[in-house]
N, C-alpha and C. Protein backbone atom coordinates (compact mmCIF):
# COMPACT_ATOMS: atom_id res chain seq x y z
N MET A 1 45.63 -7.48 -60.40
CA MET A 1 45.70 -6.70 -61.63
C MET A 1 45.72 -5.17 -61.32
N SER A 2 46.66 -4.37 -61.63
CA SER A 2 46.60 -2.92 -61.27
C SER A 2 45.54 -2.22 -62.00
N VAL A 3 45.21 -0.85 -61.62
CA VAL A 3 44.40 -0.21 -62.42
C VAL A 3 44.90 0.36 -63.70
N GLU A 4 46.35 0.64 -63.63
CA GLU A 4 46.95 1.07 -64.95
C GLU A 4 47.04 0.01 -65.99
N SER A 5 47.07 -1.25 -65.63
CA SER A 5 47.23 -2.21 -66.73
C SER A 5 45.89 -2.94 -67.01
N ARG A 6 44.85 -2.49 -66.43
CA ARG A 6 43.56 -2.96 -66.64
C ARG A 6 43.03 -2.55 -68.06
N ASP A 7 42.56 -3.35 -68.73
CA ASP A 7 41.87 -3.00 -70.09
C ASP A 7 40.59 -2.33 -69.83
N ARG A 8 40.36 -1.16 -70.19
CA ARG A 8 39.10 -0.42 -70.02
C ARG A 8 37.95 -0.90 -70.98
N GLY A 9 38.48 -1.39 -72.15
CA GLY A 9 37.50 -1.81 -73.09
C GLY A 9 36.32 -0.73 -73.31
N LEU A 10 35.11 -1.48 -73.46
CA LEU A 10 33.81 -0.81 -73.74
C LEU A 10 33.09 -0.36 -72.33
N GLN A 11 33.74 -0.46 -71.14
CA GLN A 11 33.25 -0.14 -69.86
C GLN A 11 32.59 1.16 -69.95
N PRO A 12 33.35 2.26 -70.10
CA PRO A 12 32.66 3.50 -70.21
C PRO A 12 31.49 3.67 -71.18
N GLU A 13 31.44 3.21 -72.25
CA GLU A 13 30.56 3.16 -73.21
C GLU A 13 29.25 2.40 -72.58
N ARG A 14 29.25 1.32 -71.99
CA ARG A 14 28.32 0.51 -71.35
C ARG A 14 27.65 1.33 -70.30
N THR A 15 28.40 1.93 -69.59
CA THR A 15 27.89 2.79 -68.38
C THR A 15 27.17 3.80 -68.88
N THR A 16 27.73 4.44 -69.95
CA THR A 16 27.02 5.68 -70.42
C THR A 16 25.51 5.24 -70.97
N LEU A 17 25.53 4.03 -71.64
CA LEU A 17 24.36 3.61 -72.35
C LEU A 17 23.30 3.24 -71.08
N ALA A 18 23.91 2.72 -70.01
CA ALA A 18 22.93 2.31 -68.95
C ALA A 18 22.42 3.58 -68.25
N TRP A 19 23.15 4.66 -68.13
CA TRP A 19 22.60 6.04 -67.65
C TRP A 19 21.44 6.45 -68.63
N ARG A 20 21.94 6.35 -69.87
CA ARG A 20 20.82 6.97 -70.83
C ARG A 20 19.33 6.05 -70.77
N ARG A 21 19.67 4.77 -70.68
CA ARG A 21 18.44 3.98 -70.62
C ARG A 21 17.63 4.32 -69.25
N THR A 22 18.20 4.44 -68.12
CA THR A 22 17.60 4.97 -67.00
C THR A 22 16.92 6.25 -67.04
N LEU A 23 17.70 7.15 -67.68
CA LEU A 23 17.10 8.54 -67.81
C LEU A 23 15.79 8.48 -68.76
N ILE A 24 15.71 7.57 -69.74
CA ILE A 24 14.57 7.35 -70.56
C ILE A 24 13.48 6.99 -69.98
N SER A 25 13.74 5.71 -68.86
CA SER A 25 12.72 5.42 -68.05
C SER A 25 12.08 6.36 -67.16
N LEU A 26 13.08 7.27 -66.69
CA LEU A 26 12.55 8.44 -65.91
C LEU A 26 11.66 9.35 -66.54
N LEU A 27 11.96 9.46 -67.73
CA LEU A 27 11.06 10.49 -68.60
C LEU A 27 9.78 9.85 -68.77
N VAL A 28 9.68 8.65 -68.91
CA VAL A 28 8.41 7.87 -68.94
C VAL A 28 7.47 8.10 -67.73
N VAL A 29 8.20 7.93 -66.60
CA VAL A 29 7.54 8.30 -65.19
C VAL A 29 6.98 9.71 -65.23
N ASP A 30 7.92 10.65 -65.80
CA ASP A 30 7.57 12.08 -65.87
C ASP A 30 6.22 12.27 -66.77
N LEU A 31 6.28 11.62 -67.65
CA LEU A 31 5.13 11.61 -68.62
C LEU A 31 4.01 11.12 -68.03
N PHE A 32 3.91 10.04 -67.30
CA PHE A 32 2.66 9.66 -66.57
C PHE A 32 2.09 10.53 -65.65
N ILE A 33 3.30 11.23 -64.77
CA ILE A 33 2.90 12.19 -63.84
C ILE A 33 2.20 13.32 -64.46
N TRP A 34 2.68 13.83 -65.47
CA TRP A 34 2.23 14.84 -66.16
C TRP A 34 0.76 14.84 -66.80
N ARG A 35 0.66 13.48 -67.37
CA ARG A 35 -0.75 13.27 -67.93
C ARG A 35 -1.70 13.11 -66.90
N ARG A 36 -1.28 12.50 -65.69
CA ARG A 36 -2.21 12.40 -64.50
C ARG A 36 -2.66 13.79 -64.19
N TRP A 37 -1.67 14.73 -64.01
CA TRP A 37 -1.88 16.21 -63.66
C TRP A 37 -3.08 16.92 -64.70
N LEU A 38 -2.62 16.53 -66.07
CA LEU A 38 -3.40 17.34 -67.12
C LEU A 38 -4.80 16.72 -67.35
N THR A 39 -5.13 15.47 -66.77
CA THR A 39 -6.40 14.87 -67.09
C THR A 39 -7.15 14.86 -65.76
N ALA A 40 -6.57 15.22 -64.75
CA ALA A 40 -7.27 15.33 -63.32
C ALA A 40 -8.29 16.29 -63.47
N LYS A 41 -9.32 16.11 -62.65
CA LYS A 41 -10.43 17.09 -62.57
C LYS A 41 -10.09 18.44 -61.79
N SER A 42 -10.32 19.62 -62.56
CA SER A 42 -9.79 20.81 -62.20
C SER A 42 -10.45 21.15 -60.91
N GLY A 43 -10.14 21.91 -59.97
CA GLY A 43 -10.62 22.26 -58.72
C GLY A 43 -10.35 21.35 -57.65
N THR A 44 -9.85 20.17 -57.75
CA THR A 44 -9.62 19.11 -56.59
C THR A 44 -8.18 19.45 -56.11
N GLY A 45 -8.04 19.77 -54.83
CA GLY A 45 -6.92 19.86 -54.12
C GLY A 45 -6.22 21.12 -54.71
N GLN A 46 -6.84 22.38 -54.87
CA GLN A 46 -6.15 23.57 -55.32
C GLN A 46 -5.54 24.17 -54.04
N LEU A 47 -4.43 24.85 -54.37
CA LEU A 47 -3.50 25.39 -53.33
C LEU A 47 -4.01 26.81 -53.42
N PRO A 48 -3.37 27.48 -52.38
CA PRO A 48 -3.77 29.09 -52.46
C PRO A 48 -3.10 29.56 -53.86
N THR A 49 -3.77 30.62 -54.38
CA THR A 49 -3.43 31.00 -55.64
C THR A 49 -2.10 31.75 -55.94
N TRP A 50 -1.08 30.83 -55.75
CA TRP A 50 0.32 31.32 -56.06
C TRP A 50 0.40 31.44 -57.66
N ILE A 51 0.01 30.38 -58.18
CA ILE A 51 -0.09 30.42 -59.61
C ILE A 51 -1.47 29.71 -60.11
N PRO A 52 -2.22 30.44 -60.99
CA PRO A 52 -3.49 29.88 -61.28
C PRO A 52 -3.30 28.38 -61.90
N GLY A 53 -4.02 27.44 -61.44
CA GLY A 53 -4.17 26.21 -62.08
C GLY A 53 -3.10 25.17 -61.31
N LEU A 54 -2.35 25.68 -60.48
CA LEU A 54 -1.32 24.90 -59.90
C LEU A 54 -2.13 24.17 -58.45
N ASP A 55 -2.05 22.86 -58.58
CA ASP A 55 -2.65 22.18 -57.50
C ASP A 55 -1.52 21.11 -57.08
N TYR A 56 -1.80 20.15 -56.10
CA TYR A 56 -0.89 19.16 -55.49
C TYR A 56 -0.34 18.47 -56.63
N GLN A 57 -1.15 17.86 -57.67
CA GLN A 57 -0.81 17.18 -58.67
C GLN A 57 0.37 18.01 -59.64
N GLY A 58 0.02 19.22 -59.76
CA GLY A 58 0.97 20.18 -60.47
C GLY A 58 2.38 20.37 -59.81
N ILE A 59 2.34 20.30 -58.43
CA ILE A 59 3.69 20.25 -57.68
C ILE A 59 4.44 19.01 -58.04
N CYS A 60 3.68 17.86 -58.00
CA CYS A 60 4.10 16.63 -58.26
C CYS A 60 4.84 16.56 -59.69
N ALA A 61 4.06 17.22 -60.72
CA ALA A 61 4.61 17.22 -62.10
C ALA A 61 5.95 17.95 -62.21
N LEU A 62 5.93 19.18 -61.39
CA LEU A 62 7.10 20.12 -61.61
C LEU A 62 8.06 19.60 -60.78
N THR A 63 7.96 18.90 -59.64
CA THR A 63 9.02 18.19 -58.93
C THR A 63 9.75 17.14 -59.75
N ALA A 64 8.95 16.44 -60.59
CA ALA A 64 9.41 15.21 -61.41
C ALA A 64 10.03 15.65 -62.57
N ALA A 65 9.63 16.98 -63.05
CA ALA A 65 10.42 17.63 -64.29
C ALA A 65 11.78 17.98 -63.69
N ALA A 66 11.88 18.69 -62.57
CA ALA A 66 13.11 19.16 -62.17
C ALA A 66 14.02 18.21 -61.85
N ALA A 67 13.67 17.01 -61.12
CA ALA A 67 14.44 15.83 -60.61
C ALA A 67 14.90 15.35 -62.01
N THR A 68 14.27 15.16 -63.27
CA THR A 68 14.63 14.64 -64.35
C THR A 68 15.59 15.35 -65.02
N ILE A 69 15.39 16.95 -64.90
CA ILE A 69 16.35 17.74 -65.66
C ILE A 69 17.89 17.55 -64.79
N VAL A 70 17.73 17.54 -63.49
CA VAL A 70 18.97 17.27 -62.78
C VAL A 70 19.60 16.00 -63.00
N LEU A 71 18.87 14.93 -63.15
CA LEU A 71 19.56 13.71 -63.61
C LEU A 71 19.89 13.77 -64.94
N GLY A 72 19.32 14.48 -65.79
CA GLY A 72 19.93 14.65 -67.26
C GLY A 72 21.13 15.36 -67.24
N CYS A 73 21.38 16.33 -66.48
CA CYS A 73 22.71 17.01 -66.22
C CYS A 73 23.63 15.95 -65.75
N VAL A 74 23.32 15.08 -64.85
CA VAL A 74 24.12 14.28 -64.04
C VAL A 74 24.67 13.25 -65.09
N VAL A 75 23.78 12.70 -65.91
CA VAL A 75 24.21 11.68 -67.02
C VAL A 75 25.12 12.50 -67.92
N TRP A 76 24.87 13.71 -68.38
CA TRP A 76 25.71 14.22 -69.37
C TRP A 76 27.21 14.45 -68.65
N ALA A 77 27.18 14.93 -67.47
CA ALA A 77 28.46 15.11 -66.74
C ALA A 77 29.29 13.82 -66.52
N ARG A 78 28.50 12.74 -66.23
CA ARG A 78 29.10 11.61 -65.94
C ARG A 78 29.69 11.00 -67.29
N SER A 79 29.00 11.08 -68.28
CA SER A 79 29.23 10.59 -69.69
C SER A 79 30.63 11.43 -70.01
N HIS A 80 30.64 12.53 -69.76
CA HIS A 80 31.91 13.44 -70.15
C HIS A 80 33.05 12.95 -69.26
N GLN A 81 32.93 12.75 -68.07
CA GLN A 81 33.89 12.27 -67.25
C GLN A 81 34.48 10.98 -67.72
N LEU A 82 33.49 9.93 -68.00
CA LEU A 82 33.99 8.73 -68.49
C LEU A 82 34.70 8.75 -69.71
N HIS A 83 34.41 9.60 -70.63
CA HIS A 83 35.01 9.76 -71.94
C HIS A 83 36.30 10.38 -71.84
N HIS A 84 36.64 11.00 -70.82
CA HIS A 84 37.89 11.65 -70.64
C HIS A 84 38.66 11.00 -69.53
N GLY A 85 38.41 9.73 -69.09
CA GLY A 85 39.17 8.82 -68.35
C GLY A 85 39.07 9.07 -66.77
N ALA A 86 37.91 9.55 -66.24
CA ALA A 86 37.80 9.70 -65.03
C ALA A 86 37.22 8.17 -64.44
N GLU A 87 37.91 7.79 -63.49
CA GLU A 87 37.54 6.40 -63.09
C GLU A 87 36.41 6.31 -62.12
N GLU A 88 36.16 7.32 -61.21
CA GLU A 88 35.26 7.48 -60.17
C GLU A 88 34.27 8.58 -60.35
N ALA A 89 33.21 8.41 -60.06
CA ALA A 89 32.17 9.59 -60.01
C ALA A 89 32.41 10.50 -58.85
N SER A 90 32.28 11.72 -59.02
CA SER A 90 32.47 12.68 -58.11
C SER A 90 31.34 12.52 -57.04
N ALA A 91 31.81 12.89 -55.79
CA ALA A 91 30.68 12.98 -54.66
C ALA A 91 29.49 13.73 -54.94
N VAL A 92 29.64 15.05 -55.68
CA VAL A 92 28.64 15.79 -55.93
C VAL A 92 27.68 15.29 -56.85
N LEU A 93 28.22 14.45 -57.97
CA LEU A 93 27.27 13.89 -58.81
C LEU A 93 26.52 12.82 -58.13
N MET A 94 27.13 11.96 -57.34
CA MET A 94 26.24 10.93 -56.53
C MET A 94 25.45 11.46 -55.60
N LEU A 95 25.61 12.60 -55.02
CA LEU A 95 24.64 13.09 -54.03
C LEU A 95 23.52 13.81 -55.02
N ALA A 96 23.85 14.37 -55.95
CA ALA A 96 22.75 15.00 -56.85
C ALA A 96 21.85 13.93 -57.49
N SER A 97 22.45 12.79 -57.92
CA SER A 97 21.68 11.94 -58.59
C SER A 97 20.86 11.12 -57.49
N ALA A 98 21.42 10.95 -56.23
CA ALA A 98 20.56 10.21 -55.15
C ALA A 98 19.29 11.24 -54.73
N LEU A 99 19.56 12.48 -54.60
CA LEU A 99 18.53 13.21 -54.21
C LEU A 99 17.45 13.50 -55.22
N SER A 100 17.82 13.53 -56.51
CA SER A 100 16.92 13.60 -57.56
C SER A 100 16.16 12.31 -57.85
N ILE A 101 16.61 11.29 -57.59
CA ILE A 101 15.88 9.94 -57.58
C ILE A 101 15.05 9.93 -56.40
N ILE A 102 15.31 10.33 -55.33
CA ILE A 102 14.31 10.29 -54.06
C ILE A 102 13.23 11.20 -54.38
N ALA A 103 13.61 12.29 -54.98
CA ALA A 103 12.69 13.37 -55.11
C ALA A 103 11.47 12.94 -56.22
N LEU A 104 11.97 12.24 -57.28
CA LEU A 104 11.22 11.72 -58.35
C LEU A 104 10.23 10.57 -57.98
N ALA A 105 10.88 9.73 -56.89
CA ALA A 105 10.10 8.75 -56.37
C ALA A 105 9.04 9.19 -55.43
N CYS A 106 9.30 10.36 -54.69
CA CYS A 106 8.23 10.88 -53.77
C CYS A 106 7.15 11.60 -54.69
N ALA A 107 7.54 12.03 -55.62
CA ALA A 107 6.55 12.89 -56.78
C ALA A 107 5.73 11.62 -57.24
N ALA A 108 6.39 10.70 -57.75
CA ALA A 108 5.48 9.70 -58.29
C ALA A 108 4.52 9.08 -57.24
N VAL A 109 4.87 8.73 -56.05
CA VAL A 109 4.08 8.25 -55.00
C VAL A 109 3.00 9.07 -54.62
N ALA A 110 3.40 10.42 -54.58
CA ALA A 110 2.27 11.56 -54.20
C ALA A 110 1.34 11.46 -55.26
N ALA A 111 1.77 11.49 -56.58
CA ALA A 111 0.74 11.83 -57.73
C ALA A 111 -0.32 10.49 -57.73
N ILE A 112 0.47 9.41 -57.56
CA ILE A 112 -0.46 8.13 -57.42
C ILE A 112 -1.62 8.26 -56.21
N ALA A 113 -0.91 8.73 -54.95
CA ALA A 113 -1.74 8.98 -53.87
C ALA A 113 -2.85 9.99 -54.01
N LEU A 114 -2.51 11.15 -54.66
CA LEU A 114 -3.46 12.12 -54.89
C LEU A 114 -4.35 11.92 -56.02
N GLY A 115 -4.00 11.07 -56.86
CA GLY A 115 -4.91 10.69 -57.93
C GLY A 115 -5.98 9.96 -57.63
N GLY A 116 -6.25 9.42 -56.62
CA GLY A 116 -7.30 8.37 -56.13
C GLY A 116 -8.41 9.17 -55.92
């Protein structure tokens, strides 16, 4: 069956919904990291005073937030592409999403390791 004769059906909508569900789960991870930072004992793991109150947990929280913002932009761009008939995701979107997911995973692991 050729690409032109294939019935697209609800595939773009299902893909968009899956991306949105993934983004919601990543927001939950962000909230846990932020909660961990805000409830951590102050004064432990302080960095040189670049920003008052910023410690290693804070860097994890900021990294997680930045990664989720990038992923939100990727979700929006890919949804836009799907609704306008683009078949394949661009290489830039795939690279941005992969790097953001890796950064978010590293932030989550570091937050867990630093929280003990």
